[in-house]
């Protein structure tokens, strides 16, 4: 899955790719750098243009099934830790509970 946007909101398409267990090539737009990248997702990153390094990494991920599986499964685990419905539910409950 390629995600070459220069500007995006939070990254719903990014999370959809993660939950569908697809490898991701992402342009490191500002919201990604601030809110998503620090979580430790494994992606192929570009910064405005495609580099030889990104091409090599993409080819390697596409050819190596075990490496690709590790990448997408690790990303899925990170997403469930930070962006799952149970995390959302807990955060909403914390907002709705009266504070003393």
PDB file of N, CA and C in Angstrom:
ATOM      1  N   UNK A   1       0.859  -1.158   0.000  1.00  0.00           N
ATOM      2  CA  UNK A   1       0.000   0.000   0.000  1.00  0.00           C
ATOM      3  C   UNK A   1       0.903   1.217   0.000  1.00  0.00           C
ATOM      4  N   UNK A   2       0.673   2.127  -0.929  1.00  0.00           N
ATOM      5  CA  UNK A   2       1.431   3.370  -0.941  1.00  0.00           C
ATOM      6  C   UNK A   2       0.603   4.472  -0.325  1.00  0.00           C
ATOM      7  N   UNK A   3       1.254   5.342   0.361  1.00  0.00           N
ATOM      8  CA  UNK A   3       0.615   6.436   1.083  1.00  0.00           C
ATOM      9  C   UNK A   3       1.477   7.673   0.882  1.00  0.00           C
ATOM     10  N   UNK A   4       1.516   8.178  -0.382  1.00  0.00           N
ATOM     11  CA  UNK A   4       2.477   9.235  -0.708  1.00  0.00           C
ATOM     12  C   UNK A   4       1.995  10.666  -0.456  1.00  0.00           C
ATOM     13  N   UNK A   5       0.950  10.851   0.306  1.00  0.00           N
ATOM     14  CA  UNK A   5       0.392  12.186   0.524  1.00  0.00           C
ATOM     15  C   UNK A   5       1.411  13.138   1.146  1.00  0.00           C
ATOM     16  N   UNK A   6       1.300  14.401   0.750  1.00  0.00           N
ATOM     17  CA  UNK A   6       2.102  15.454   1.383  1.00  0.00           C
ATOM     18  C   UNK A   6       1.417  15.989   2.623  1.00  0.00           C
ATOM     19  N   UNK A   7       0.097  15.897   2.651  1.00  0.00           N
ATOM     20  CA  UNK A   7      -0.667  16.438   3.765  1.00  0.00           C
ATOM     21  C   UNK A   7      -1.875  15.539   4.000  1.00  0.00           C
ATOM     22  N   UNK A   8      -2.082  15.142   5.212  1.00  0.00           N
ATOM     23  CA  UNK A   8      -3.229  14.313   5.595  1.00  0.00           C
ATOM     24  C   UNK A   8      -3.671  14.731   6.985  1.00  0.00           C
ATOM     25  N   UNK A   9      -4.823  14.257   7.347  1.00  0.00           N
ATOM     26  CA  UNK A   9      -5.267  14.400   8.722  1.00  0.00           C
ATOM     27  C   UNK A   9      -4.552  13.347   9.555  1.00  0.00           C
ATOM     28  N   UNK A  10      -5.246  12.771  10.503  1.00  0.00           N
ATOM     29  CA  UNK A  10      -4.602  11.833  11.414  1.00  0.00           C
ATOM     30  C   UNK A  10      -4.029  10.610  10.708  1.00  0.00           C
ATOM     31  N   UNK A  11      -4.760   9.995   9.806  1.00  0.00           N
ATOM     32  CA  UNK A  11      -4.218   8.819   9.127  1.00  0.00           C
ATOM     33  C   UNK A  11      -5.126   7.616   9.135  1.00  0.00           C
ATOM     34  N   UNK A  12      -6.415   7.821   8.897  1.00  0.00           N
ATOM     35  CA  UNK A  12      -7.329   6.680   8.872  1.00  0.00           C
ATOM     36  C   UNK A  12      -6.951   5.668   7.800  1.00  0.00           C
ATOM     37  N   UNK A  13      -6.540   6.142   6.617  1.00  0.00           N
ATOM     38  CA  UNK A  13      -6.127   5.212   5.562  1.00  0.00           C
ATOM     39  C   UNK A  13      -4.894   4.422   6.005  1.00  0.00           C
ATOM     40  N   UNK A  14      -4.013   5.062   6.725  1.00  0.00           N
ATOM     41  CA  UNK A  14      -2.834   4.378   7.260  1.00  0.00           C
ATOM     42  C   UNK A  14      -3.274   3.240   8.180  1.00  0.00           C
ATOM     43  N   UNK A  15      -4.179   3.540   9.105  1.00  0.00           N
ATOM     44  CA  UNK A  15      -4.633   2.508  10.047  1.00  0.00           C
ATOM     45  C   UNK A  15      -5.419   1.405   9.344  1.00  0.00           C
ATOM     46  N   UNK A  16      -6.174   1.749   8.323  1.00  0.00           N
ATOM     47  CA  UNK A  16      -6.880   0.719   7.550  1.00  0.00           C
ATOM     48  C   UNK A  16      -5.879  -0.241   6.923  1.00  0.00           C
ATOM     49  N   UNK A  17      -4.801   0.285   6.356  1.00  0.00           N
ATOM     50  CA  UNK A  17      -3.764  -0.572   5.771  1.00  0.00           C
ATOM     51  C   UNK A  17      -3.149  -1.473   6.834  1.00  0.00           C
ATOM     52  N   UNK A  18      -2.920  -0.927   8.012  1.00  0.00           N
ATOM     53  CA  UNK A  18      -2.360  -1.724   9.112  1.00  0.00           C
ATOM     54  C   UNK A  18      -3.323  -2.838   9.507  1.00  0.00           C
ATOM     55  N   UNK A  19      -4.592  -2.516   9.679  1.00  0.00           N
ATOM     56  CA  UNK A  19      -5.561  -3.531  10.106  1.00  0.00           C
ATOM     57  C   UNK A  19      -5.837  -4.575   9.027  1.00  0.00           C
ATOM     58  N   UNK A  20      -5.625  -4.221   7.750  1.00  0.00           N
ATOM     59  CA  UNK A  20      -5.732  -5.206   6.669  1.00  0.00           C
ATOM     60  C   UNK A  20      -4.408  -5.915   6.427  1.00  0.00           C
ATOM     61  N   UNK A  21      -3.434  -5.622   7.287  1.00  0.00           N
ATOM     62  CA  UNK A  21      -2.115  -6.265   7.272  1.00  0.00           C
ATOM     63  C   UNK A  21      -1.428  -6.139   5.916  1.00  0.00           C
ATOM     64  N   UNK A  22      -1.298  -4.880   5.495  1.00  0.00           N
ATOM     65  CA  UNK A  22      -0.596  -4.561   4.255  1.00  0.00           C
ATOM     66  C   UNK A  22       0.687  -3.801   4.581  1.00  0.00           C
ATOM     67  N   UNK A  23       1.768  -4.090   3.853  1.00  0.00           N
ATOM     68  CA  UNK A  23       2.973  -3.285   4.039  1.00  0.00           C
ATOM     69  C   UNK A  23       2.704  -1.867   3.538  1.00  0.00           C
ATOM     70  N   UNK A  24       3.367  -0.889   4.132  1.00  0.00           N
ATOM     71  CA  UNK A  24       3.054   0.506   3.833  1.00  0.00           C
ATOM     72  C   UNK A  24       4.304   1.277   3.450  1.00  0.00           C
ATOM     73  N   UNK A  25       4.205   1.997   2.345  1.00  0.00           N
ATOM     74  CA  UNK A  25       5.178   3.007   1.970  1.00  0.00           C
ATOM     75  C   UNK A  25       4.509   4.343   2.251  1.00  0.00           C
ATOM     76  N   UNK A  26       5.118   5.155   3.085  1.00  0.00           N
ATOM     77  CA  UNK A  26       4.478   6.397   3.518  1.00  0.00           C
ATOM     78  C   UNK A  26       5.414   7.588   3.335  1.00  0.00           C
ATOM     79  N   UNK A  27       4.846   8.677   2.834  1.00  0.00           N
ATOM     80  CA  UNK A  27       5.556   9.945   2.820  1.00  0.00           C
ATOM     81  C   UNK A  27       5.469  10.504   4.234  1.00  0.00           C
ATOM     82  N   UNK A  28       6.552  10.972   4.771  1.00  0.00           N
ATOM     83  CA  UNK A  28       6.571  11.383   6.174  1.00  0.00           C
ATOM     84  C   UNK A  28       5.981  12.789   6.344  1.00  0.00           C
ATOM     85  N   UNK A  29       4.680  12.898   6.112  1.00  0.00           N
ATOM     86  CA  UNK A  29       3.973  14.165   6.281  1.00  0.00           C
ATOM     87  C   UNK A  29       3.915  14.523   7.766  1.00  0.00           C
ATOM     88  N   UNK A  30       3.588  15.753   8.072  1.00  0.00           N
ATOM     89  CA  UNK A  30       3.737  16.276   9.439  1.00  0.00           C
ATOM     90  C   UNK A  30       2.961  15.485  10.492  1.00  0.00           C
ATOM     91  N   UNK A  31       1.704  15.163  10.259  1.00  0.00           N
ATOM     92  CA  UNK A  31       0.910  14.436  11.259  1.00  0.00           C
ATOM     93  C   UNK A  31       1.478  13.038  11.481  1.00  0.00           C
ATOM     94  N   UNK A  32       1.940  12.403  10.414  1.00  0.00           N
ATOM     95  CA  UNK A  32       2.586  11.099  10.557  1.00  0.00           C
ATOM     96  C   UNK A  32       3.791  11.208  11.489  1.00  0.00           C
ATOM     97  N   UNK A  33       4.646  12.201  11.228  1.00  0.00           N
ATOM     98  CA  UNK A  33       5.860  12.357  12.055  1.00  0.00           C
ATOM     99  C   UNK A  33       5.529  12.625  13.517  1.00  0.00           C
ATOM    100  N   UNK A  34       4.473  13.380  13.770  1.00  0.00           N
ATOM    101  CA  UNK A  34       4.136  13.774  15.140  1.00  0.00           C
ATOM    102  C   UNK A  34       3.355  12.692  15.886  1.00  0.00           C
ATOM    103  N   UNK A  35       2.336  12.135  15.241  1.00  0.00           N
ATOM    104  CA  UNK A  35       1.396  11.258  15.954  1.00  0.00           C
ATOM    105  C   UNK A  35       1.551   9.766  15.691  1.00  0.00           C
ATOM    106  N   UNK A  36       2.060   9.380  14.536  1.00  0.00           N
ATOM    107  CA  UNK A  36       2.070   7.962  14.168  1.00  0.00           C
ATOM    108  C   UNK A  36       3.467   7.356  14.245  1.00  0.00           C
ATOM    109  N   UNK A  37       4.439   7.996  13.642  1.00  0.00           N
ATOM    110  CA  UNK A  37       5.804   7.473  13.594  1.00  0.00           C
ATOM    111  C   UNK A  37       6.374   7.138  14.981  1.00  0.00           C
ATOM    112  N   UNK A  38       6.148   7.982  16.003  1.00  0.00           N
ATOM    113  CA  UNK A  38       6.716   7.667  17.327  1.00  0.00           C
ATOM    114  C   UNK A  38       6.203   6.363  17.949  1.00  0.00           C
ATOM    115  N   UNK A  39       5.106   5.832  17.436  1.00  0.00           N
ATOM    116  CA  UNK A  39       4.571   4.585  17.988  1.00  0.00           C
ATOM    117  C   UNK A  39       5.406   3.377  17.585  1.00  0.00           C
ATOM    118  N   UNK A  40       6.252   3.526  16.553  1.00  0.00           N
ATOM    119  CA  UNK A  40       7.160   2.441  16.189  1.00  0.00           C
ATOM    120  C   UNK A  40       6.704   1.550  15.049  1.00  0.00           C
ATOM    121  N   UNK A  41       5.762   2.012  14.242  1.00  0.00           N
ATOM    122  CA  UNK A  41       5.316   1.218  13.097  1.00  0.00           C
ATOM    123  C   UNK A  41       6.481   0.966  12.149  1.00  0.00           C
ATOM    124  N   UNK A  42       6.465  -0.193  11.517  1.00  0.00           N
ATOM    125  CA  UNK A  42       7.468  -0.544  10.519  1.00  0.00           C
ATOM    126  C   UNK A  42       6.910  -0.174   9.146  1.00  0.00           C
ATOM    127  N   UNK A  43       7.505   0.819   8.525  1.00  0.00           N
ATOM    128  CA  UNK A  43       7.065   1.282   7.210  1.00  0.00           C
ATOM    129  C   UNK A  43       8.270   1.528   6.328  1.00  0.00           C
ATOM    130  N   UNK A  44       7.993   1.708   5.063  1.00  0.00           N
ATOM    131  CA  UNK A  44       8.988   2.198   4.130  1.00  0.00           C
ATOM    132  C   UNK A  44       8.701   3.684   4.021  1.00  0.00           C
ATOM    133  N   UNK A  45       9.662   4.507   4.406  1.00  0.00           N
ATOM    134  CA  UNK A  45       9.420   5.947   4.457  1.00  0.00           C
ATOM    135  C   UNK A  45      10.131   6.675   3.331  1.00  0.00           C
ATOM    136  N   UNK A  46       9.429   7.673   2.802  1.00  0.00           N
ATOM    137  CA  UNK A  46      10.032   8.606   1.871  1.00  0.00           C
ATOM    138  C   UNK A  46       9.767  10.000   2.412  1.00  0.00           C
ATOM    139  N   UNK A  47      10.588  10.936   2.014  1.00  0.00           N
ATOM    140  CA  UNK A  47      10.415  12.312   2.470  1.00  0.00           C
ATOM    141  C   UNK A  47      10.283  13.217   1.248  1.00  0.00           C
ATOM    142  N   UNK A  48       9.134  13.110   0.585  1.00  0.00           N
ATOM    143  CA  UNK A  48       8.847  13.953  -0.560  1.00  0.00           C
ATOM    144  C   UNK A  48       9.226  13.364  -1.898  1.00  0.00           C
ATOM    145  N   UNK A  49      10.153  12.410  -1.920  1.00  0.00           N
ATOM    146  CA  UNK A  49      10.530  11.782  -3.182  1.00  0.00           C
ATOM    147  C   UNK A  49      11.019  10.367  -2.915  1.00  0.00           C
ATOM    148  N   UNK A  50      10.933   9.547  -3.946  1.00  0.00           N
ATOM    149  CA  UNK A  50      11.324   8.142  -3.830  1.00  0.00           C
ATOM    150  C   UNK A  50      12.838   8.033  -3.986  1.00  0.00           C
ATOM    151  N   UNK A  51      13.455   7.375  -3.022  1.00  0.00           N
ATOM    152  CA  UNK A  51      14.911   7.178  -3.042  1.00  0.00           C
ATOM    153  C   UNK A  51      15.242   5.741  -3.446  1.00  0.00           C
ATOM    154  N   UNK A  52      16.490   5.519  -3.795  1.00  0.00           N
ATOM    155  CA  UNK A  52      16.948   4.152  -4.095  1.00  0.00           C
ATOM    156  C   UNK A  52      16.777   3.247  -2.874  1.00  0.00           C
ATOM    157  N   UNK A  53      17.031   3.807  -1.700  1.00  0.00           N
ATOM    158  CA  UNK A  53      16.872   3.032  -0.460  1.00  0.00           C
ATOM    159  C   UNK A  53      15.420   2.563  -0.308  1.00  0.00           C
ATOM    160  N   UNK A  54      14.467   3.442  -0.571  1.00  0.00           N
ATOM    161  CA  UNK A  54      13.051   3.073  -0.472  1.00  0.00           C
ATOM    162  C   UNK A  54      12.692   2.008  -1.503  1.00  0.00           C
ATOM    163  N   UNK A  55      13.241   2.116  -2.694  1.00  0.00           N
ATOM    164  CA  UNK A  55      12.984   1.122  -3.743  1.00  0.00           C
ATOM    165  C   UNK A  55      13.548  -0.229  -3.326  1.00  0.00           C
ATOM    166  N   UNK A  56      14.782  -0.237  -2.817  1.00  0.00           N
ATOM    167  CA  UNK A  56      15.390  -1.493  -2.365  1.00  0.00           C
ATOM    168  C   UNK A  56      14.585  -2.140  -1.245  1.00  0.00           C
ATOM    169  N   UNK A  57      14.177  -1.329  -0.274  1.00  0.00           N
ATOM    170  CA  UNK A  57      13.409  -1.868   0.855  1.00  0.00           C
ATOM    171  C   UNK A  57      12.058  -2.394   0.377  1.00  0.00           C
ATOM    172  N   UNK A  58      11.431  -1.690  -0.549  1.00  0.00           N
ATOM    173  CA  UNK A  58      10.143  -2.137  -1.087  1.00  0.00           C
ATOM    174  C   UNK A  58      10.287  -3.479  -1.791  1.00  0.00           C
ATOM    175  N   UNK A  59      11.299  -3.598  -2.632  1.00  0.00           N
ATOM    176  CA  UNK A  59      11.530  -4.865  -3.333  1.00  0.00           C
ATOM    177  C   UNK A  59      11.773  -5.997  -2.343  1.00  0.00           C
ATOM    178  N   UNK A  60      12.560  -5.706  -1.310  1.00  0.00           N
ATOM    179  CA  UNK A  60      12.870  -6.728  -0.313  1.00  0.00           C
ATOM    180  C   UNK A  60      11.600  -7.189   0.404  1.00  0.00           C
ATOM    181  N   UNK A  61      10.754  -6.241   0.798  1.00  0.00           N
ATOM    182  CA  UNK A  61       9.505  -6.579   1.491  1.00  0.00           C
ATOM    183  C   UNK A  61       8.585  -7.392   0.586  1.00  0.00           C
ATOM    184  N   UNK A  62       8.507  -7.001  -0.690  1.00  0.00           N
ATOM    185  CA  UNK A  62       7.618  -7.703  -1.619  1.00  0.00           C
ATOM    186  C   UNK A  62       8.103  -9.116  -1.939  1.00  0.00           C
ATOM    187  N   UNK A  63       9.418  -9.318  -1.938  1.00  0.00           N
ATOM    188  CA  UNK A  63       9.971 -10.629  -2.282  1.00  0.00           C
ATOM    189  C   UNK A  63      10.084 -11.579  -1.087  1.00  0.00           C
ATOM    190  N   UNK A  64      10.236 -11.049   0.099  1.00  0.00           N
ATOM    191  CA  UNK A  64      10.491 -11.867   1.288  1.00  0.00           C
ATOM    192  C   UNK A  64       9.215 -11.993   2.117  1.00  0.00           C
ATOM    193  N   UNK A  65       8.514 -13.090   1.944  1.00  0.00           N
ATOM    194  CA  UNK A  65       7.222 -13.293   2.609  1.00  0.00           C
ATOM    195  C   UNK A  65       7.355 -13.281   4.134  1.00  0.00           C
ATOM    196  N   UNK A  66       8.408 -13.867   4.662  1.00  0.00           N
ATOM    197  CA  UNK A  66       8.584 -13.914   6.125  1.00  0.00           C
ATOM    198  C   UNK A  66       8.814 -12.506   6.684  1.00  0.00           C
ATOM    199  N   UNK A  67       9.630 -11.727   6.005  1.00  0.00           N
ATOM    200  CA  UNK A  67       9.883 -10.356   6.436  1.00  0.00           C
ATOM    201  C   UNK A  67       8.608  -9.517   6.356  1.00  0.00           C
ATOM    202  N   UNK A  68       7.855  -9.703   5.277  1.00  0.00           N
ATOM    203  CA  UNK A  68       6.588  -8.977   5.100  1.00  0.00           C
ATOM    204  C   UNK A  68       5.595  -9.348   6.204  1.00  0.00           C
ATOM    205  N   UNK A  69       5.501 -10.629   6.511  1.00  0.00           N
ATOM    206  CA  UNK A  69       4.596 -11.085   7.576  1.00  0.00           C
ATOM    207  C   UNK A  69       4.977 -10.475   8.918  1.00  0.00           C
ATOM    208  N   UNK A  70       6.269 -10.451   9.205  1.00  0.00           N
ATOM    209  CA  UNK A  70       6.718  -9.855  10.464  1.00  0.00           C
ATOM    210  C   UNK A  70       6.345  -8.379  10.509  1.00  0.00           C
ATOM    211  N   UNK A  71       6.588  -7.687   9.422  1.00  0.00           N
ATOM    212  CA  UNK A  71       6.286  -6.256   9.346  1.00  0.00           C
ATOM    213  C   UNK A  71       4.809  -5.991   9.607  1.00  0.00           C
ATOM    214  N   UNK A  72       3.942  -6.686   8.898  1.00  0.00           N
ATOM    215  CA  UNK A  72       2.511  -6.394   9.022  1.00  0.00           C
ATOM    216  C   UNK A  72       1.949  -6.875  10.360  1.00  0.00           C
ATOM    217  N   UNK A  73       2.466  -7.977  10.873  1.00  0.00           N
ATOM    218  CA  UNK A  73       1.991  -8.458  12.174  1.00  0.00           C
ATOM    219  C   UNK A  73       2.462  -7.549  13.312  1.00  0.00           C
ATOM    220  N   UNK A  74       3.692  -7.084  13.244  1.00  0.00           N
ATOM    221  CA  UNK A  74       4.181  -6.132  14.253  1.00  0.00           C
ATOM    222  C   UNK A  74       3.352  -4.849  14.210  1.00  0.00           C
ATOM    223  N   UNK A  75       3.070  -4.359  13.008  1.00  0.00           N
ATOM    224  CA  UNK A  75       2.254  -3.148  12.875  1.00  0.00           C
ATOM    225  C   UNK A  75       0.852  -3.354  13.446  1.00  0.00           C
ATOM    226  N   UNK A  76       0.296  -4.526  13.200  1.00  0.00           N
ATOM    227  CA  UNK A  76      -1.035  -4.833  13.726  1.00  0.00           C
ATOM    228  C   UNK A  76      -1.027  -4.797  15.261  1.00  0.00           C
ATOM    229  N   UNK A  77      -0.008  -5.376  15.858  1.00  0.00           N
ATOM    230  CA  UNK A  77       0.090  -5.376  17.326  1.00  0.00           C
ATOM    231  C   UNK A  77       0.211  -3.959  17.873  1.00  0.00           C
ATOM    232  N   UNK A  78       1.007  -3.135  17.226  1.00  0.00           N
ATOM    233  CA  UNK A  78       1.149  -1.732  17.654  1.00  0.00           C
ATOM    234  C   UNK A  78      -0.198  -1.025  17.544  1.00  0.00           C
ATOM    235  N   UNK A  79      -0.902  -1.251  16.451  1.00  0.00           N
ATOM    236  CA  UNK A  79      -2.203  -0.598  16.246  1.00  0.00           C
ATOM    237  C   UNK A  79      -3.205  -1.020  17.317  1.00  0.00           C
ATOM    238  N   UNK A  80      -3.217  -2.292  17.676  1.00  0.00           N
ATOM    239  CA  UNK A  80      -4.162  -2.721  18.712  1.00  0.00           C
ATOM    240  C   UNK A  80      -3.799  -2.136  20.076  1.00  0.00           C
ATOM    241  N   UNK A  81      -2.527  -1.851  20.274  1.00  0.00           N
ATOM    242  CA  UNK A  81      -2.081  -1.263  21.539  1.00  0.00           C
ATOM    243  C   UNK A  81      -2.482   0.210  21.659  1.00  0.00           C
ATOM    244  N   UNK A  82      -2.460   0.937  20.555  1.00  0.00           N
ATOM    245  CA  UNK A  82      -2.707   2.380  20.596  1.00  0.00           C
ATOM    246  C   UNK A  82      -4.019   2.834  19.956  1.00  0.00           C
ATOM    247  N   UNK A  83      -4.535   2.065  18.991  1.00  0.00           N
ATOM    248  CA  UNK A  83      -5.652   2.562  18.186  1.00  0.00           C
ATOM    249  C   UNK A  83      -6.804   1.564  18.052  1.00  0.00           C
ATOM    250  N   UNK A  84      -7.030   0.744  19.032  1.00  0.00           N
ATOM    251  CA  UNK A  84      -8.108  -0.240  18.965  1.00  0.00           C
ATOM    252  C   UNK A  84      -9.395   0.326  19.572  1.00  0.00           C
ATOM    253  N   UNK A  85     -10.484  -0.374  19.332  1.00  0.00           N
ATOM    254  CA  UNK A  85     -11.759   0.030  19.925  1.00  0.00           C
ATOM    255  C   UNK A  85     -11.705  -0.025  21.449  1.00  0.00           C
ATOM    256  N   UNK A  86     -10.989  -0.992  21.998  1.00  0.00           N
ATOM    257  CA  UNK A  86     -10.910  -1.074  23.463  1.00  0.00           C
ATOM    258  C   UNK A  86     -10.144   0.121  24.038  1.00  0.00           C
ATOM    259  N   UNK A  87      -9.122   0.578  23.337  1.00  0.00           N
ATOM    260  CA  UNK A  87      -8.390   1.771  23.781  1.00  0.00           C
ATOM    261  C   UNK A  87      -9.304   2.989  23.696  1.00  0.00           C
ATOM    262  N   UNK A  88     -10.022   3.102  22.597  1.00  0.00           N
ATOM    263  CA  UNK A  88     -10.970   4.210  22.440  1.00  0.00           C
ATOM    264  C   UNK A  88     -12.030   4.182  23.537  1.00  0.00           C
ATOM    265  N   UNK A  89     -12.575   3.017  23.797  1.00  0.00           N
ATOM    266  CA  UNK A  89     -13.600   2.886  24.831  1.00  0.00           C
ATOM    267  C   UNK A  89     -13.060   3.344  26.185  1.00  0.00           C
ATOM    268  N   UNK A  90     -11.859   2.919  26.529  1.00  0.00           N
ATOM    269  CA  UNK A  90     -11.268   3.307  27.812  1.00  0.00           C
ATOM    270  C   UNK A  90     -11.051   4.817  27.892  1.00  0.00           C
ATOM    271  N   UNK A  91     -10.567   5.403  26.813  1.00  0.00           N
ATOM    272  CA  UNK A  91     -10.336   6.853  26.808  1.00  0.00           C
ATOM    273  C   UNK A  91     -11.654   7.617  26.919  1.00  0.00           C
ATOM    274  N   UNK A  92     -12.687   7.137  26.252  1.00  0.00           N
ATOM    275  CA  UNK A  92     -13.990   7.795  26.349  1.00  0.00           C
ATOM    276  C   UNK A  92     -14.573   7.647  27.752  1.00  0.00           C
ATOM    277  N   UNK A  93     -14.412   6.477  28.346  1.00  0.00           N
ATOM    278  CA  UNK A  93     -14.907   6.269  29.705  1.00  0.00           C
ATOM    279  C   UNK A  93     -14.201   7.218  30.677  1.00  0.00           C
ATOM    280  N   UNK A  94     -12.904   7.396  30.496  1.00  0.00           N
ATOM    281  CA  UNK A  94     -12.158   8.301  31.362  1.00  0.00           C
ATOM    282  C   UNK A  94     -12.660   9.740  31.226  1.00  0.00           C
ATOM    283  N   UNK A  95     -13.065  10.105  30.031  1.00  0.00           N
ATOM    284  CA  UNK A  95     -13.596  11.458  29.816  1.00  0.00           C
ATOM    285  C   UNK A  95     -14.983  11.643  30.437  1.00  0.00           C
ATOM    286  N   UNK A  96     -15.747  10.552  30.441  1.00  0.00           N
ATOM    287  CA  UNK A  96     -17.142  10.649  30.918  1.00  0.00           C
ATOM    288  C   UNK A  96     -17.273  10.457  32.417  1.00  0.00           C
ATOM    289  N   UNK A  97     -16.314   9.862  33.057  1.00  0.00           N
ATOM    290  CA  UNK A  97     -16.405   9.645  34.499  1.00  0.00           C
ATOM    291  C   UNK A  97     -16.224  10.983  35.227  1.00  0.00           C
ATOM    292  N   UNK A  98     -17.045  11.223  36.233  1.00  0.00           N
ATOM    293  CA  UNK A  98     -16.887  12.491  36.976  1.00  0.00           C
ATOM    294  C   UNK A  98     -15.573  12.482  37.725  1.00  0.00           C
ATOM    295  N   UNK A  99     -14.898  13.593  37.700  1.00  0.00           N
ATOM    296  CA  UNK A  99     -13.643  13.697  38.457  1.00  0.00           C
ATOM    297  C   UNK A  99     -13.934  14.272  39.840  1.00  0.00           C
ATOM    298  N   UNK A 100     -13.170  13.838  40.804  1.00  0.00           N
ATOM    299  CA  UNK A 100     -13.368  14.278  42.192  1.00  0.00           C
ATOM    300  C   UNK A 100     -12.568  15.501  42.482  1.00  0.00           C
TER     301      UNK A 100
END
